[in-house]
Amino acid sequence: MPKLRRLSGPEVVRILGLFGFAPHSQRGSHVKLKRRSGAGESQTLTVPNHRELDTGTCHGIFRQATRYIASDDLRPHFFTD
């Protein structure tokens, strides 16, 4: 069974950047990422800018990101084989 990687906030921002998300704003230690969909709607994700994210937080970000990105495309970045 694949295991969730231990990622940092900047690593998650970089991964989501590969799928078109760009930093929009930051308040405290949370970075808000946005992108426009093909239909013109705004898609937003928030990522804590911490040195190491808890596994539950990483999994929650993964689940939220799968609303906009296919899980098969995102899974190799978040899980080990």
N, C-alpha and C. Protein backbone atom coordinates (compact mmCIF):
# COMPACT_ATOMS: atom_id res chain seq x y z
N MET A 1 0.85 -1.18 0.00
CA MET A 1 0.00 0.00 0.00
C MET A 1 0.90 1.25 0.00
N PRO A 2 0.58 2.24 -0.82
CA PRO A 2 1.40 3.45 -0.88
C PRO A 2 1.37 4.20 0.45
N LYS A 3 2.50 4.80 0.76
CA LYS A 3 2.63 5.55 2.01
C LYS A 3 2.74 7.04 1.69
N LEU A 4 2.09 7.85 2.49
CA LEU A 4 2.11 9.30 2.30
C LEU A 4 3.50 9.84 2.61
N ARG A 5 4.03 10.68 1.73
CA ARG A 5 5.35 11.28 1.94
C ARG A 5 5.27 12.37 3.01
N ARG A 6 6.39 12.63 3.66
CA ARG A 6 6.51 13.77 4.59
C ARG A 6 6.98 14.95 3.77
N LEU A 7 6.11 15.90 3.53
CA LEU A 7 6.42 17.05 2.69
C LEU A 7 6.43 18.33 3.51
N SER A 8 7.13 19.33 2.99
CA SER A 8 7.11 20.66 3.61
C SER A 8 6.10 21.52 2.85
N GLY A 9 5.75 22.65 3.42
CA GLY A 9 4.84 23.57 2.76
C GLY A 9 5.37 24.04 1.41
N PRO A 10 6.64 24.48 1.33
CA PRO A 10 7.18 24.90 0.04
C PRO A 10 7.21 23.78 -1.01
N GLU A 11 7.40 22.53 -0.59
CA GLU A 11 7.37 21.41 -1.53
C GLU A 11 5.97 21.24 -2.10
N VAL A 12 4.95 21.37 -1.27
CA VAL A 12 3.57 21.23 -1.73
C VAL A 12 3.23 22.38 -2.69
N VAL A 13 3.68 23.59 -2.37
CA VAL A 13 3.44 24.74 -3.26
C VAL A 13 4.10 24.48 -4.62
N ARG A 14 5.31 23.92 -4.63
CA ARG A 14 6.01 23.61 -5.88
C ARG A 14 5.25 22.54 -6.67
N ILE A 15 4.77 21.49 -5.98
CA ILE A 15 4.02 20.42 -6.64
C ILE A 15 2.76 20.98 -7.29
N LEU A 16 2.01 21.78 -6.55
CA LEU A 16 0.78 22.35 -7.09
C LEU A 16 1.07 23.35 -8.20
N GLY A 17 2.24 23.98 -8.16
CA GLY A 17 2.66 24.87 -9.23
C GLY A 17 2.83 24.14 -10.55
N LEU A 18 3.18 22.86 -10.50
CA LEU A 18 3.30 22.06 -11.72
C LEU A 18 1.96 21.92 -12.42
N PHE A 19 0.87 22.08 -11.68
CA PHE A 19 -0.48 21.93 -12.22
C PHE A 19 -1.15 23.28 -12.46
N GLY A 20 -0.38 24.36 -12.45
CA GLY A 20 -0.91 25.66 -12.80
C GLY A 20 -1.30 26.56 -11.64
N PHE A 21 -1.16 26.11 -10.41
CA PHE A 21 -1.48 26.95 -9.26
C PHE A 21 -0.32 27.89 -8.98
N ALA A 22 -0.63 29.13 -8.65
CA ALA A 22 0.39 30.13 -8.33
C ALA A 22 0.02 30.81 -7.02
N PRO A 23 1.04 31.18 -6.24
CA PRO A 23 0.75 31.90 -4.99
C PRO A 23 -0.01 33.19 -5.27
N HIS A 24 -1.09 33.38 -4.54
CA HIS A 24 -1.91 34.57 -4.72
C HIS A 24 -1.71 35.53 -3.56
N SER A 25 -1.70 35.00 -2.34
CA SER A 25 -1.50 35.83 -1.16
C SER A 25 -0.99 34.95 -0.03
N GLN A 26 -0.52 35.61 1.01
CA GLN A 26 -0.06 34.89 2.20
C GLN A 26 -0.48 35.68 3.42
N ARG A 27 -1.00 34.98 4.39
CA ARG A 27 -1.36 35.60 5.66
C ARG A 27 -0.79 34.73 6.75
N GLY A 28 0.17 35.26 7.47
CA GLY A 28 0.85 34.47 8.48
C GLY A 28 1.64 33.36 7.81
N SER A 29 1.40 32.14 8.23
CA SER A 29 2.14 31.01 7.67
C SER A 29 1.34 30.22 6.65
N HIS A 30 0.26 30.78 6.13
CA HIS A 30 -0.56 30.08 5.15
C HIS A 30 -0.50 30.79 3.80
N VAL A 31 -0.21 30.01 2.76
CA VAL A 31 -0.12 30.53 1.40
C VAL A 31 -1.39 30.15 0.66
N LYS A 32 -2.01 31.11 0.02
CA LYS A 32 -3.21 30.86 -0.78
C LYS A 32 -2.79 30.75 -2.24
N LEU A 33 -3.11 29.62 -2.86
CA LEU A 33 -2.76 29.36 -4.26
C LEU A 33 -4.03 29.43 -5.10
N LYS A 34 -3.92 30.03 -6.28
CA LYS A 34 -5.08 30.14 -7.17
C LYS A 34 -4.70 29.79 -8.59
N ARG A 35 -5.70 29.35 -9.35
CA ARG A 35 -5.58 29.18 -10.79
C ARG A 35 -6.96 29.34 -11.39
N ARG A 36 -7.00 29.66 -12.64
CA ARG A 36 -8.27 29.78 -13.37
C ARG A 36 -8.50 28.50 -14.16
N SER A 37 -9.71 27.97 -14.09
CA SER A 37 -10.05 26.77 -14.84
C SER A 37 -10.37 27.15 -16.28
N GLY A 38 -10.55 26.15 -17.12
CA GLY A 38 -10.89 26.39 -18.51
C GLY A 38 -12.22 27.12 -18.65
N ALA A 39 -13.12 26.91 -17.68
CA ALA A 39 -14.42 27.56 -17.71
C ALA A 39 -14.37 28.98 -17.13
N GLY A 40 -13.18 29.38 -16.66
CA GLY A 40 -13.03 30.73 -16.12
C GLY A 40 -13.29 30.86 -14.63
N GLU A 41 -13.59 29.77 -13.96
CA GLU A 41 -13.83 29.86 -12.52
C GLU A 41 -12.50 29.79 -11.76
N SER A 42 -12.46 30.45 -10.62
CA SER A 42 -11.26 30.50 -9.80
C SER A 42 -11.19 29.28 -8.90
N GLN A 43 -10.03 28.62 -8.87
CA GLN A 43 -9.82 27.47 -8.01
C GLN A 43 -8.77 27.86 -6.97
N THR A 44 -9.08 27.65 -5.70
CA THR A 44 -8.23 28.10 -4.60
C THR A 44 -7.88 26.95 -3.66
N LEU A 45 -6.62 26.90 -3.27
CA LEU A 45 -6.14 25.95 -2.27
C LEU A 45 -5.28 26.72 -1.27
N THR A 46 -5.33 26.33 0.00
CA THR A 46 -4.53 26.97 1.03
C THR A 46 -3.55 25.94 1.59
N VAL A 47 -2.28 26.33 1.69
CA VAL A 47 -1.23 25.43 2.16
C VAL A 47 -0.47 26.10 3.29
N PRO A 48 -0.28 25.42 4.43
CA PRO A 48 0.55 25.97 5.50
C PRO A 48 2.01 26.00 5.05
N ASN A 49 2.70 27.08 5.29
CA ASN A 49 4.09 27.23 4.87
C ASN A 49 5.01 26.78 6.01
N HIS A 50 4.89 25.50 6.39
CA HIS A 50 5.65 24.96 7.51
C HIS A 50 6.81 24.11 7.00
N ARG A 51 7.81 23.93 7.85
CA ARG A 51 8.99 23.15 7.48
C ARG A 51 8.63 21.70 7.21
N GLU A 52 7.71 21.14 7.99
CA GLU A 52 7.24 19.77 7.77
C GLU A 52 5.76 19.72 8.12
N LEU A 53 4.95 19.20 7.19
CA LEU A 53 3.51 19.12 7.41
C LEU A 53 3.18 17.78 8.04
N ASP A 54 2.20 17.77 8.93
CA ASP A 54 1.71 16.52 9.50
C ASP A 54 1.10 15.67 8.39
N THR A 55 1.08 14.37 8.59
CA THR A 55 0.54 13.49 7.55
C THR A 55 -0.95 13.77 7.31
N GLY A 56 -1.68 14.07 8.36
CA GLY A 56 -3.10 14.39 8.20
C GLY A 56 -3.32 15.65 7.38
N THR A 57 -2.46 16.64 7.58
CA THR A 57 -2.55 17.89 6.82
C THR A 57 -2.23 17.63 5.36
N CYS A 58 -1.17 16.84 5.11
CA CYS A 58 -0.80 16.49 3.73
C CYS A 58 -1.95 15.75 3.03
N HIS A 59 -2.54 14.82 3.76
CA HIS A 59 -3.64 14.05 3.17
C HIS A 59 -4.84 14.95 2.89
N GLY A 60 -5.11 15.89 3.77
CA GLY A 60 -6.21 16.83 3.55
C GLY A 60 -5.97 17.72 2.34
N ILE A 61 -4.74 18.17 2.16
CA ILE A 61 -4.40 18.99 0.99
C ILE A 61 -4.56 18.15 -0.27
N PHE A 62 -4.11 16.89 -0.21
CA PHE A 62 -4.26 15.98 -1.35
C PHE A 62 -5.73 15.82 -1.73
N ARG A 63 -6.58 15.58 -0.72
CA ARG A 63 -8.02 15.41 -0.99
C ARG A 63 -8.63 16.66 -1.59
N GLN A 64 -8.27 17.83 -1.06
CA GLN A 64 -8.81 19.08 -1.60
C GLN A 64 -8.32 19.31 -3.03
N ALA A 65 -7.06 19.00 -3.29
CA ALA A 65 -6.51 19.21 -4.62
C ALA A 65 -7.14 18.28 -5.65
N THR A 66 -7.61 17.11 -5.22
CA THR A 66 -8.23 16.19 -6.17
C THR A 66 -9.59 16.70 -6.66
N ARG A 67 -10.09 17.76 -6.07
CA ARG A 67 -11.30 18.39 -6.63
C ARG A 67 -10.99 19.03 -7.97
N TYR A 68 -9.74 19.44 -8.16
CA TYR A 68 -9.34 20.17 -9.36
C TYR A 68 -8.36 19.40 -10.24
N ILE A 69 -7.62 18.45 -9.66
CA ILE A 69 -6.59 17.71 -10.38
C ILE A 69 -6.91 16.22 -10.24
N ALA A 70 -6.74 15.47 -11.31
CA ALA A 70 -7.00 14.03 -11.26
C ALA A 70 -6.07 13.37 -10.24
N SER A 71 -6.62 12.50 -9.41
CA SER A 71 -5.82 11.88 -8.35
C SER A 71 -4.69 11.03 -8.92
N ASP A 72 -4.87 10.44 -10.09
CA ASP A 72 -3.81 9.65 -10.72
C ASP A 72 -2.61 10.52 -11.09
N ASP A 73 -2.84 11.78 -11.44
CA ASP A 73 -1.75 12.70 -11.76
C ASP A 73 -1.06 13.21 -10.50
N LEU A 74 -1.81 13.37 -9.44
CA LEU A 74 -1.30 13.96 -8.20
C LEU A 74 -0.65 12.93 -7.28
N ARG A 75 -1.12 11.69 -7.33
CA ARG A 75 -0.67 10.63 -6.41
C ARG A 75 0.84 10.42 -6.39
N PRO A 76 1.56 10.38 -7.52
CA PRO A 76 3.01 10.13 -7.47
C PRO A 76 3.78 11.20 -6.69
N HIS A 77 3.25 12.40 -6.58
CA HIS A 77 3.92 13.48 -5.87
C HIS A 77 3.70 13.41 -4.35
N PHE A 78 2.59 12.81 -3.93
CA PHE A 78 2.23 12.78 -2.52
C PHE A 78 2.49 11.42 -1.85
N PHE A 79 2.52 10.34 -2.64
CA PHE A 79 2.65 8.99 -2.08
C PHE A 79 3.88 8.28 -2.64
N THR A 80 4.46 7.39 -1.81
CA THR A 80 5.55 6.53 -2.28
C THR A 80 4.93 5.27 -2.87
N ASP A 81 5.67 4.57 -3.66
CA ASP A 81 5.16 3.32 -4.26
C ASP A 81 5.23 2.15 -3.35
